[in-house]
Amino acid sequence: MARGGSRTIADSRPSISSILTLEQLDEDRFRGLSHVEAPRIFGGQTFAQAVLAAGRTVAPDRLPHHAQAHFLLPGRADLPVDYRVETVRDGGSYSTRTVHAGQAGVEILALTASFQRHRDGFAFHTAEPPAVPAPEELPTLDELVAADLPALGWLGDLASVLAIDLRLPESFPQLRSRRGEVTAPEQWMWLRVDGPLIDDPLIRAAAVAYCSDLFLVSAAFSPQGGISGSPGTDIATLNHAAWLHADTPIDQWHLYQHNGFWSGDGRGMARGVLFRQGVPVATTMQEGLRRSGGRAGIRALRADEGA
């Protein structure tokens, strides 16, 4: 969509390279910025920067294979985030780190990450991607939002503060919920980071972590209707985990499949699989909360929402 004339969503996006640039304050302390004009920080950004900070303290031949975070409080986009890394263990093949992310002396995220030295071994997987249209066959976000601006303006606002290019099908639950439809607890989308990445496997892993948070837990709430982007509904991440199976060029198209498998007590859980050319390169899991009677869902989608 050419918003306000010839301006597009991509024109407002932050640079993925700037988001994944940390200032090193000392041996185990780092600082990250948001580079967007928004009230709150996208949860995937804090998750990615924490993974990157942890990775800067391990041997360069060890890459992240798992990270899990608890989102404790909302992050403010107008303040820097300081990351303090603690060494838990450095073994013969694996290293473990914990990371405390804070703003103005208050902790907003706690993360544990594990890193592994590469080893050759037997490869096996049963995950298969759904048969879906190619990204080139789907409308761009500008086209999608322009086709129904009153209902999808929130999507344009969200996409303009994320360094992620998306292709969404018409069946995507966030689109259908605005029409009052209830959907099954499953969804998929094409994504890639919007911009080139330097040739660094740690940066690529952090970029996967950045993308992995987007829309995931909303799959658990789609059978209830009134999910992300719906007036009066807030969805927020409580905890998020990612298992990285392979180094992957996340600045190229990947298929991200989500399945919600439980909801209750105001919470829900979903799992995701990120595919590159039919092969799973990451698996994710997320628990989140759903509140009714709040403000529209744009806030919850991009915030490290405090419970």
C-alpha atoms as a PDB file:
ATOM      1  CA  MET A   1       0.000   0.000   0.000  1.00  0.00           C
ATOM      2  CA  ALA A   2       1.266   3.445  -0.827  1.00  0.00           C
ATOM      3  CA  ARG A   3       0.447   5.048   2.494  1.00  0.00           C
ATOM      4  CA  GLY A   4       0.059   8.814   2.314  1.00  0.00           C
ATOM      5  CA  GLY A   5       0.993   8.908  -1.366  1.00  0.00           C
ATOM      6  CA  SER A   6       3.960   6.891  -2.588  1.00  0.00           C
ATOM      7  CA  ARG A   7       5.211   5.839   0.852  1.00  0.00           C
ATOM      8  CA  THR A   8       5.151   2.092   1.522  1.00  0.00           C
ATOM      9  CA  ILE A   9       5.230  -0.020   4.663  1.00  0.00           C
ATOM     10  CA  ALA A  10       8.853  -0.939   3.948  1.00  0.00           C
ATOM     11  CA  ASP A  11       9.840   2.747   4.012  1.00  0.00           C
ATOM     12  CA  SER A  12       9.045   2.911   7.737  1.00  0.00           C
ATOM     13  CA  ARG A  13      10.662  -0.351   8.789  1.00  0.00           C
ATOM     14  CA  PRO A  14      13.741  -0.408  11.001  1.00  0.00           C
ATOM     15  CA  SER A  15      16.941  -1.931   9.669  1.00  0.00           C
ATOM     16  CA  ILE A  16      17.486  -5.539  10.747  1.00  0.00           C
ATOM     17  CA  SER A  17      21.238  -4.897  10.796  1.00  0.00           C
ATOM     18  CA  SER A  18      20.780  -2.016  13.254  1.00  0.00           C
ATOM     19  CA  ILE A  19      18.475  -4.082  15.481  1.00  0.00           C
ATOM     20  CA  LEU A  20      21.109  -6.832  15.571  1.00  0.00           C
ATOM     21  CA  THR A  21      23.927  -4.455  16.449  1.00  0.00           C
ATOM     22  CA  LEU A  22      24.817  -4.399  20.148  1.00  0.00           C
ATOM     23  CA  GLU A  23      27.133  -2.035  21.956  1.00  0.00           C
ATOM     24  CA  GLN A  24      29.524  -3.944  24.206  1.00  0.00           C
ATOM     25  CA  LEU A  25      29.764  -2.199  27.566  1.00  0.00           C
ATOM     26  CA  ASP A  26      32.188  -4.649  29.168  1.00  0.00           C
ATOM     27  CA  GLU A  27      33.045  -8.342  29.018  1.00  0.00           C
ATOM     28  CA  ASP A  28      29.538  -9.568  29.755  1.00  0.00           C
ATOM     29  CA  ARG A  29      27.294  -6.509  29.352  1.00  0.00           C
ATOM     30  CA  PHE A  30      25.722  -5.268  26.132  1.00  0.00           C
ATOM     31  CA  ARG A  31      23.222  -2.615  25.056  1.00  0.00           C
ATOM     32  CA  GLY A  32      20.631  -2.726  22.291  1.00  0.00           C
ATOM     33  CA  LEU A  33      18.302  -0.139  20.736  1.00  0.00           C
ATOM     34  CA  SER A  34      14.899  -0.396  19.068  1.00  0.00           C
ATOM     35  CA  HIS A  35      15.266   2.041  16.138  1.00  0.00           C
ATOM     36  CA  VAL A  36      11.493   2.529  15.883  1.00  0.00           C
ATOM     37  CA  GLU A  37       8.973   5.115  17.022  1.00  0.00           C
ATOM     38  CA  ALA A  38       6.579   2.909  18.944  1.00  0.00           C
ATOM     39  CA  PRO A  39       5.404   2.724  22.554  1.00  0.00           C
ATOM     40  CA  ARG A  40       6.665  -0.780  23.163  1.00  0.00           C
ATOM     41  CA  ILE A  41       9.338  -3.182  21.985  1.00  0.00           C
ATOM     42  CA  PHE A  42       8.459  -6.136  19.774  1.00  0.00           C
ATOM     43  CA  GLY A  43       9.109  -9.228  21.910  1.00  0.00           C
ATOM     44  CA  GLY A  44      11.113 -10.917  19.168  1.00  0.00           C
ATOM     45  CA  GLN A  45      13.594  -8.048  19.256  1.00  0.00           C
ATOM     46  CA  THR A  46      14.410  -8.465  22.947  1.00  0.00           C
ATOM     47  CA  PHE A  47      14.580 -12.241  22.479  1.00  0.00           C
ATOM     48  CA  ALA A  48      16.951 -11.889  19.511  1.00  0.00           C
ATOM     49  CA  GLN A  49      19.204  -9.330  21.163  1.00  0.00           C
ATOM     50  CA  ALA A  50      19.463 -11.515  24.278  1.00  0.00           C
ATOM     51  CA  VAL A  51      20.487 -14.508  22.132  1.00  0.00           C
ATOM     52  CA  LEU A  52      23.033 -12.326  20.360  1.00  0.00           C
ATOM     53  CA  ALA A  53      24.450 -10.995  23.629  1.00  0.00           C
ATOM     54  CA  ALA A  54      24.847 -14.533  24.963  1.00  0.00           C
ATOM     55  CA  GLY A  55      26.503 -15.610  21.717  1.00  0.00           C
ATOM     56  CA  ARG A  56      29.088 -12.850  21.990  1.00  0.00           C
ATOM     57  CA  THR A  57      30.433 -14.496  25.171  1.00  0.00           C
ATOM     58  CA  VAL A  58      31.018 -18.015  23.801  1.00  0.00           C
ATOM     59  CA  ALA A  59      33.625 -19.415  21.425  1.00  0.00           C
ATOM     60  CA  PRO A  60      32.839 -18.454  17.793  1.00  0.00           C
ATOM     61  CA  ASP A  61      32.581 -22.109  16.752  1.00  0.00           C
ATOM     62  CA  ARG A  62      29.588 -22.592  19.103  1.00  0.00           C
ATOM     63  CA  LEU A  63      26.190 -21.543  17.797  1.00  0.00           C
ATOM     64  CA  PRO A  64      22.817 -21.383  19.548  1.00  0.00           C
ATOM     65  CA  HIS A  65      20.647 -24.482  19.267  1.00  0.00           C
ATOM     66  CA  HIS A  66      18.095 -23.585  21.960  1.00  0.00           C
ATOM     67  CA  ALA A  67      16.899 -20.475  23.770  1.00  0.00           C
ATOM     68  CA  GLN A  68      14.012 -19.938  26.145  1.00  0.00           C
ATOM     69  CA  ALA A  69      12.802 -16.649  27.578  1.00  0.00           C
ATOM     70  CA  HIS A  70      10.284 -15.359  30.096  1.00  0.00           C
ATOM     71  CA  PHE A  71       8.785 -11.968  29.241  1.00  0.00           C
ATOM     72  CA  LEU A  72       8.479 -10.194  32.583  1.00  0.00           C
ATOM     73  CA  LEU A  73       7.471  -6.612  31.795  1.00  0.00           C
ATOM     74  CA  PRO A  74       6.744  -4.471  28.740  1.00  0.00           C
ATOM     75  CA  GLY A  75       9.792  -3.002  27.055  1.00  0.00           C
ATOM     76  CA  ARG A  76       9.810   0.680  26.094  1.00  0.00           C
ATOM     77  CA  ALA A  77      11.046   1.409  22.585  1.00  0.00           C
ATOM     78  CA  ASP A  78      12.355   4.847  23.573  1.00  0.00           C
ATOM     79  CA  LEU A  79      14.847   3.402  26.071  1.00  0.00           C
ATOM     80  CA  PRO A  80      17.914   1.213  25.474  1.00  0.00           C
ATOM     81  CA  VAL A  81      17.902  -2.355  26.738  1.00  0.00           C
ATOM     82  CA  ASP A  82      20.891  -3.538  28.761  1.00  0.00           C
ATOM     83  CA  TYR A  83      21.815  -7.224  28.621  1.00  0.00           C
ATOM     84  CA  ARG A  84      23.838  -8.847  31.399  1.00  0.00           C
ATOM     85  CA  VAL A  85      25.202 -12.298  30.521  1.00  0.00           C
ATOM     86  CA  GLU A  86      26.095 -14.934  33.114  1.00  0.00           C
ATOM     87  CA  THR A  87      28.236 -17.949  32.273  1.00  0.00           C
ATOM     88  CA  VAL A  88      26.580 -21.126  33.531  1.00  0.00           C
ATOM     89  CA  ARG A  89      28.899 -23.686  31.949  1.00  0.00           C
ATOM     90  CA  ASP A  90      31.455 -24.202  29.182  1.00  0.00           C
ATOM     91  CA  GLY A  91      31.800 -27.905  28.419  1.00  0.00           C
ATOM     92  CA  GLY A  92      33.629 -29.807  25.745  1.00  0.00           C
ATOM     93  CA  SER A  93      30.904 -29.286  23.147  1.00  0.00           C
ATOM     94  CA  TYR A  94      28.215 -27.158  24.793  1.00  0.00           C
ATOM     95  CA  SER A  95      28.049 -23.767  26.501  1.00  0.00           C
ATOM     96  CA  THR A  96      25.147 -22.424  28.566  1.00  0.00           C
ATOM     97  CA  ARG A  97      24.378 -18.802  29.336  1.00  0.00           C
ATOM     98  CA  THR A  98      21.677 -16.885  31.159  1.00  0.00           C
ATOM     99  CA  VAL A  99      20.816 -13.337  30.141  1.00  0.00           C
ATOM    100  CA  HIS A 100      19.012 -10.648  32.126  1.00  0.00           C
ATOM    101  CA  ALA A 101      17.546  -7.839  30.009  1.00  0.00           C
ATOM    102  CA  GLY A 102      16.624  -4.626  31.755  1.00  0.00           C
ATOM    103  CA  GLN A 103      15.652  -0.994  31.294  1.00  0.00           C
ATOM    104  CA  ALA A 104      16.279   1.722  33.871  1.00  0.00           C
ATOM    105  CA  GLY A 105      17.312  -0.944  36.376  1.00  0.00           C
ATOM    106  CA  VAL A 106      14.149  -3.050  35.971  1.00  0.00           C
ATOM    107  CA  GLU A 107      14.359  -6.554  34.459  1.00  0.00           C
ATOM    108  CA  ILE A 108      12.020  -7.090  31.502  1.00  0.00           C
ATOM    109  CA  LEU A 109      13.218 -10.477  30.194  1.00  0.00           C
ATOM    110  CA  ALA A 110      15.106 -13.510  31.500  1.00  0.00           C
ATOM    111  CA  LEU A 111      16.633 -15.915  28.974  1.00  0.00           C
ATOM    112  CA  THR A 112      18.620 -19.141  29.016  1.00  0.00           C
ATOM    113  CA  ALA A 113      20.495 -20.196  25.880  1.00  0.00           C
ATOM    114  CA  SER A 114      22.577 -23.222  24.943  1.00  0.00           C
ATOM    115  CA  PHE A 115      25.312 -23.252  22.309  1.00  0.00           C
ATOM    116  CA  GLN A 116      26.886 -26.227  20.549  1.00  0.00           C
ATOM    117  CA  ARG A 117      30.029 -26.921  18.588  1.00  0.00           C
ATOM    118  CA  HIS A 118      28.975 -28.424  15.228  1.00  0.00           C
ATOM    119  CA  ARG A 119      29.045 -32.204  14.959  1.00  0.00           C
ATOM    120  CA  ASP A 120      28.224 -34.406  11.993  1.00  0.00           C
ATOM    121  CA  GLY A 121      25.490 -36.911  12.717  1.00  0.00           C
ATOM    122  CA  PHE A 122      22.479 -38.796  11.409  1.00  0.00           C
ATOM    123  CA  ALA A 123      19.817 -36.394  10.087  1.00  0.00           C
ATOM    124  CA  PHE A 124      16.121 -37.216  10.449  1.00  0.00           C
ATOM    125  CA  HIS A 125      12.824 -35.340  10.594  1.00  0.00           C
ATOM    126  CA  THR A 126       9.136 -36.065  10.170  1.00  0.00           C
ATOM    127  CA  ALA A 127       7.842 -32.484   9.911  1.00  0.00           C
ATOM    128  CA  GLU A 128       6.439 -31.704   6.487  1.00  0.00           C
ATOM    129  CA  PRO A 129       5.332 -28.255   5.305  1.00  0.00           C
ATOM    130  CA  PRO A 130       1.753 -27.690   4.179  1.00  0.00           C
ATOM    131  CA  ALA A 131       1.023 -27.409   0.467  1.00  0.00           C
ATOM    132  CA  VAL A 132       0.508 -23.660   0.066  1.00  0.00           C
ATOM    133  CA  PRO A 133       0.907 -20.990  -2.630  1.00  0.00           C
ATOM    134  CA  ALA A 134       4.386 -19.576  -3.171  1.00  0.00           C
ATOM    135  CA  PRO A 135       5.066 -16.125  -1.681  1.00  0.00           C
ATOM    136  CA  GLU A 136       5.134 -14.592  -5.161  1.00  0.00           C
ATOM    137  CA  GLU A 137       1.524 -15.708  -5.631  1.00  0.00           C
ATOM    138  CA  LEU A 138       0.286 -13.811  -2.556  1.00  0.00           C
ATOM    139  CA  PRO A 139      -0.366 -10.073  -2.209  1.00  0.00           C
ATOM    140  CA  THR A 140       2.242  -7.856  -0.645  1.00  0.00           C
ATOM    141  CA  LEU A 141       1.391  -6.305   2.711  1.00  0.00           C
ATOM    142  CA  ASP A 142       0.810  -2.963   1.004  1.00  0.00           C
ATOM    143  CA  GLU A 143      -1.685  -4.560  -1.366  1.00  0.00           C
ATOM    144  CA  LEU A 144      -3.366  -6.509   1.419  1.00  0.00           C
ATOM    145  CA  VAL A 145      -3.829  -3.497   3.701  1.00  0.00           C
ATOM    146  CA  ALA A 146      -4.912  -1.184   0.873  1.00  0.00           C
ATOM    147  CA  ALA A 147      -7.670  -3.632  -0.084  1.00  0.00           C
ATOM    148  CA  ASP A 148      -9.342  -3.217   3.338  1.00  0.00           C
ATOM    149  CA  LEU A 149      -7.758  -0.322   5.190  1.00  0.00           C
ATOM    150  CA  PRO A 150     -10.503   0.126   7.829  1.00  0.00           C
ATOM    151  CA  ALA A 151     -10.142  -3.491   8.964  1.00  0.00           C
ATOM    152  CA  LEU A 152      -6.416  -3.998   8.372  1.00  0.00           C
ATOM    153  CA  GLY A 153      -4.874  -0.654   9.229  1.00  0.00           C
ATOM    154  CA  TRP A 154      -3.541  -2.281  12.420  1.00  0.00           C
ATOM    155  CA  LEU A 155      -1.572  -4.748  10.272  1.00  0.00           C
ATOM    156  CA  GLY A 156       0.075  -1.945   8.349  1.00  0.00           C
ATOM    157  CA  ASP A 157       0.978  -0.202  11.598  1.00  0.00           C
ATOM    158  CA  LEU A 158       2.471  -3.398  12.991  1.00  0.00           C
ATOM    159  CA  ALA A 159       4.424  -4.252   9.848  1.00  0.00           C
ATOM    160  CA  SER A 160       5.910  -0.753   9.689  1.00  0.00           C
ATOM    161  CA  VAL A 161       7.782  -1.261  12.992  1.00  0.00           C
ATOM    162  CA  LEU A 162       9.094  -4.760  12.204  1.00  0.00           C
ATOM    163  CA  ALA A 163      12.090  -5.608  10.044  1.00  0.00           C
ATOM    164  CA  ILE A 164      10.148  -8.551   8.598  1.00  0.00           C
ATOM    165  CA  ASP A 165       8.632  -8.948   5.142  1.00  0.00           C
ATOM    166  CA  LEU A 166       5.453 -11.059   5.202  1.00  0.00           C
ATOM    167  CA  ARG A 167       3.076 -12.773   2.833  1.00  0.00           C
ATOM    168  CA  LEU A 168      -0.225 -13.783   4.425  1.00  0.00           C
ATOM    169  CA  PRO A 169      -2.974 -15.919   2.868  1.00  0.00           C
ATOM    170  CA  GLU A 170      -6.592 -14.762   2.868  1.00  0.00           C
ATOM    171  CA  SER A 171      -7.293 -17.598   5.324  1.00  0.00           C
ATOM    172  CA  PHE A 172      -4.932 -16.171   7.967  1.00  0.00           C
ATOM    173  CA  PRO A 173      -6.895 -16.076  11.265  1.00  0.00           C
ATOM    174  CA  GLN A 174      -5.960 -12.471  12.104  1.00  0.00           C
ATOM    175  CA  LEU A 175      -7.578 -11.376   8.842  1.00  0.00           C
ATOM    176  CA  ARG A 176     -10.677 -13.524   9.221  1.00  0.00           C
ATOM    177  CA  SER A 177     -11.283 -12.584  12.858  1.00  0.00           C
ATOM    178  CA  ARG A 178     -11.824  -8.976  11.798  1.00  0.00           C
ATOM    179  CA  ARG A 179     -14.744 -10.251   9.747  1.00  0.00           C
ATOM    180  CA  GLY A 180     -16.195 -12.005  12.783  1.00  0.00           C
ATOM    181  CA  GLU A 181     -15.100 -15.476  11.665  1.00  0.00           C
ATOM    182  CA  VAL A 182     -13.844 -18.251  13.925  1.00  0.00           C
ATOM    183  CA  THR A 183     -11.054 -20.448  12.580  1.00  0.00           C
ATOM    184  CA  ALA A 184      -9.193 -23.652  13.388  1.00  0.00           C
ATOM    185  CA  PRO A 185      -6.074 -23.329  15.617  1.00  0.00           C
ATOM    186  CA  GLU A 186      -3.632 -23.384  12.719  1.00  0.00           C
ATOM    187  CA  GLN A 187      -2.061 -20.821  10.428  1.00  0.00           C
ATOM    188  CA  TRP A 188       0.916 -20.265   8.146  1.00  0.00           C
ATOM    189  CA  MET A 189       2.787 -17.381   6.570  1.00  0.00           C
ATOM    190  CA  TRP A 190       5.833 -16.676   4.462  1.00  0.00           C
ATOM    191  CA  LEU A 191       8.480 -14.457   6.041  1.00  0.00           C
ATOM    192  CA  ARG A 192      12.003 -13.157   5.656  1.00  0.00           C
ATOM    193  CA  VAL A 193      13.915 -10.363   7.331  1.00  0.00           C
ATOM    194  CA  ASP A 194      13.666  -7.173   5.325  1.00  0.00           C
ATOM    195  CA  GLY A 195      17.253  -6.461   4.428  1.00  0.00           C
ATOM    196  CA  PRO A 196      20.561  -8.224   3.825  1.00  0.00           C
ATOM    197  CA  LEU A 197      22.503  -9.825   6.663  1.00  0.00           C
ATOM    198  CA  ILE A 198      26.252 -10.006   7.075  1.00  0.00           C
ATOM    199  CA  ASP A 199      27.814 -13.439   6.616  1.00  0.00           C
ATOM    200  CA  ASP A 200      27.771 -14.417  10.278  1.00  0.00           C
ATOM    201  CA  PRO A 201      25.907 -17.541  11.476  1.00  0.00           C
ATOM    202  CA  LEU A 202      25.291 -15.993  14.910  1.00  0.00           C
ATOM    203  CA  ILE A 203      23.612 -12.981  13.278  1.00  0.00           C
ATOM    204  CA  ARG A 204      21.475 -15.306  11.154  1.00  0.00           C
ATOM    205  CA  ALA A 205      20.490 -17.288  14.259  1.00  0.00           C
ATOM    206  CA  ALA A 206      19.539 -14.080  16.058  1.00  0.00           C
ATOM    207  CA  ALA A 207      17.486 -13.014  13.036  1.00  0.00           C
ATOM    208  CA  VAL A 208      15.593 -16.319  13.161  1.00  0.00           C
ATOM    209  CA  ALA A 209      14.954 -15.673  16.859  1.00  0.00           C
ATOM    210  CA  TYR A 210      13.654 -12.205  15.958  1.00  0.00           C
ATOM    211  CA  CYS A 211      11.125 -13.604  13.471  1.00  0.00           C
ATOM    212  CA  SER A 212      10.102 -16.574  15.603  1.00  0.00           C
ATOM    213  CA  ASP A 213       7.921 -14.572  18.015  1.00  0.00           C
ATOM    214  CA  LEU A 214       5.559 -13.134  15.400  1.00  0.00           C
ATOM    215  CA  PHE A 215       1.871 -14.197  15.689  1.00  0.00           C
ATOM    216  CA  LEU A 216       2.760 -17.601  17.178  1.00  0.00           C
ATOM    217  CA  VAL A 217       0.558 -17.913  20.265  1.00  0.00           C
ATOM    218  CA  SER A 218      -2.436 -16.319  18.525  1.00  0.00           C
ATOM    219  CA  ALA A 219      -2.970 -19.708  16.841  1.00  0.00           C
ATOM    220  CA  ALA A 220      -4.063 -21.078  20.227  1.00  0.00           C
ATOM    221  CA  PHE A 221      -6.866 -18.515  20.483  1.00  0.00           C
ATOM    222  CA  SER A 222      -8.266 -18.519  16.946  1.00  0.00           C
ATOM    223  CA  PRO A 223     -11.112 -20.989  17.761  1.00  0.00           C
ATOM    224  CA  GLN A 224     -12.387 -18.426  20.286  1.00  0.00           C
ATOM    225  CA  GLY A 225     -12.529 -15.590  17.771  1.00  0.00           C
ATOM    226  CA  GLY A 226     -11.506 -12.055  18.608  1.00  0.00           C
ATOM    227  CA  ILE A 227      -7.767 -12.660  18.275  1.00  0.00           C
ATOM    228  CA  SER A 228      -4.874 -10.328  17.473  1.00  0.00           C
ATOM    229  CA  GLY A 229      -5.938  -7.093  15.869  1.00  0.00           C
ATOM    230  CA  SER A 230      -9.494  -7.377  17.147  1.00  0.00           C
ATOM    231  CA  PRO A 231     -10.895  -4.439  19.138  1.00  0.00           C
ATOM    232  CA  GLY A 232     -11.050  -5.135  22.852  1.00  0.00           C
ATOM    233  CA  THR A 233      -8.679  -8.107  22.735  1.00  0.00           C
ATOM    234  CA  ASP A 234      -5.078  -8.224  23.929  1.00  0.00           C
ATOM    235  CA  ILE A 235      -2.763 -11.177  23.390  1.00  0.00           C
ATOM    236  CA  ALA A 236       0.645 -11.198  25.048  1.00  0.00           C
ATOM    237  CA  THR A 237       3.576 -13.596  25.249  1.00  0.00           C
ATOM    238  CA  LEU A 238       4.443 -15.069  28.638  1.00  0.00           C
ATOM    239  CA  ASN A 239       7.301 -17.326  27.569  1.00  0.00           C
ATOM    240  CA  HIS A 240       8.875 -18.319  24.285  1.00  0.00           C
ATOM    241  CA  ALA A 241      11.310 -21.035  23.214  1.00  0.00           C
ATOM    242  CA  ALA A 242      13.137 -21.749  19.979  1.00  0.00           C
ATOM    243  CA  TRP A 243      15.189 -24.751  18.873  1.00  0.00           C
ATOM    244  CA  LEU A 244      17.478 -23.955  15.947  1.00  0.00           C
ATOM    245  CA  HIS A 245      18.203 -27.004  13.801  1.00  0.00           C
ATOM    246  CA  ALA A 246      20.342 -25.505  11.046  1.00  0.00           C
ATOM    247  CA  ASP A 247      22.015 -22.332   9.874  1.00  0.00           C
ATOM    248  CA  THR A 248      19.615 -20.763   7.382  1.00  0.00           C
ATOM    249  CA  PRO A 249      19.505 -17.661   5.132  1.00  0.00           C
ATOM    250  CA  ILE A 250      16.586 -15.964   6.878  1.00  0.00           C
ATOM    251  CA  ASP A 251      16.825 -12.997   4.499  1.00  0.00           C
ATOM    252  CA  GLN A 252      15.239 -15.353   1.958  1.00  0.00           C
ATOM    253  CA  TRP A 253      11.683 -16.717   2.071  1.00  0.00           C
ATOM    254  CA  HIS A 254      10.797 -19.232   4.790  1.00  0.00           C
ATOM    255  CA  LEU A 255       7.441 -20.853   5.523  1.00  0.00           C
ATOM    256  CA  TYR A 256       6.354 -20.546   9.168  1.00  0.00           C
ATOM    257  CA  GLN A 257       3.581 -22.918  10.299  1.00  0.00           C
ATOM    258  CA  HIS A 258       1.757 -22.501  13.633  1.00  0.00           C
ATOM    259  CA  ASN A 259      -0.521 -24.909  15.484  1.00  0.00           C
ATOM    260  CA  GLY A 260      -2.352 -24.065  18.681  1.00  0.00           C
ATOM    261  CA  PHE A 261      -2.817 -27.148  20.847  1.00  0.00           C
ATOM    262  CA  TRP A 262      -4.188 -25.915  24.191  1.00  0.00           C
ATOM    263  CA  SER A 263      -5.953 -22.978  25.777  1.00  0.00           C
ATOM    264  CA  GLY A 264      -7.527 -22.458  29.193  1.00  0.00           C
ATOM    265  CA  ASP A 265      -7.410 -20.276  32.295  1.00  0.00           C
ATOM    266  CA  GLY A 266      -6.825 -17.234  30.102  1.00  0.00           C
ATOM    267  CA  ARG A 267      -3.704 -18.758  28.556  1.00  0.00           C
ATOM    268  CA  GLY A 268      -2.874 -20.666  25.406  1.00  0.00           C
ATOM    269  CA  MET A 269       0.013 -22.601  23.865  1.00  0.00           C
ATOM    270  CA  ALA A 270       1.166 -23.026  20.292  1.00  0.00           C
ATOM    271  CA  ARG A 271       4.036 -24.670  18.483  1.00  0.00           C
ATOM    272  CA  GLY A 272       5.656 -23.544  15.270  1.00  0.00           C
ATOM    273  CA  VAL A 273       7.918 -25.004  12.611  1.00  0.00           C
ATOM    274  CA  LEU A 274      10.024 -22.832  10.317  1.00  0.00           C
ATOM    275  CA  PHE A 275      10.740 -24.433   6.940  1.00  0.00           C
ATOM    276  CA  ARG A 276      13.323 -23.601   4.303  1.00  0.00           C
ATOM    277  CA  GLN A 277      12.729 -25.379   0.981  1.00  0.00           C
ATOM    278  CA  GLY A 278      10.674 -28.067   2.723  1.00  0.00           C
ATOM    279  CA  VAL A 279      13.191 -28.772   5.497  1.00  0.00           C
ATOM    280  CA  PRO A 280      12.535 -27.728   9.124  1.00  0.00           C
ATOM    281  CA  VAL A 281      15.240 -25.328  10.275  1.00  0.00           C
ATOM    282  CA  ALA A 282      13.676 -24.277  13.603  1.00  0.00           C
ATOM    283  CA  THR A 283      10.956 -25.366  16.006  1.00  0.00           C
ATOM    284  CA  THR A 284       9.250 -22.975  18.406  1.00  0.00           C
ATOM    285  CA  MET A 285       6.882 -23.104  21.375  1.00  0.00           C
ATOM    286  CA  GLN A 286       5.057 -20.256  23.038  1.00  0.00           C
ATOM    287  CA  GLU A 287       2.668 -19.652  25.915  1.00  0.00           C
ATOM    288  CA  GLY A 288       0.650 -16.471  26.066  1.00  0.00           C
ATOM    289  CA  LEU A 289      -2.290 -14.808  27.733  1.00  0.00           C
ATOM    290  CA  ARG A 290      -5.489 -13.460  26.255  1.00  0.00           C
ATOM    291  CA  ARG A 291      -7.421 -10.601  27.781  1.00  0.00           C
ATOM    292  CA  SER A 292     -10.726  -9.130  26.699  1.00  0.00           C
ATOM    293  CA  GLY A 293     -11.844  -5.580  27.302  1.00  0.00           C
ATOM    294  CA  GLY A 294      -8.450  -4.022  26.574  1.00  0.00           C
ATOM    295  CA  ARG A 295      -7.183  -1.911  23.736  1.00  0.00           C
ATOM    296  CA  ALA A 296      -6.832  -3.132  20.163  1.00  0.00           C
ATOM    297  CA  GLY A 297      -4.372  -5.929  19.535  1.00  0.00           C
ATOM    298  CA  ILE A 298      -1.564  -3.949  17.862  1.00  0.00           C
ATOM    299  CA  ARG A 299      -0.079  -3.263  21.316  1.00  0.00           C
ATOM    300  CA  ALA A 300      -0.004  -6.894  22.373  1.00  0.00           C
ATOM    301  CA  LEU A 301       1.368  -8.173  19.098  1.00  0.00           C
ATOM    302  CA  ARG A 302       4.505  -6.089  19.286  1.00  0.00           C
ATOM    303  CA  ALA A 303       5.036  -5.806  23.037  1.00  0.00           C
ATOM    304  CA  ASP A 304       6.896  -7.727  25.711  1.00  0.00           C
ATOM    305  CA  GLU A 305       3.600  -7.566  27.593  1.00  0.00           C
ATOM    306  CA  GLY A 306       3.735  -7.693  31.373  1.00  0.00           C
ATOM    307  CA  ALA A 307       1.095  -9.912  32.976  1.00  0.00           C
END
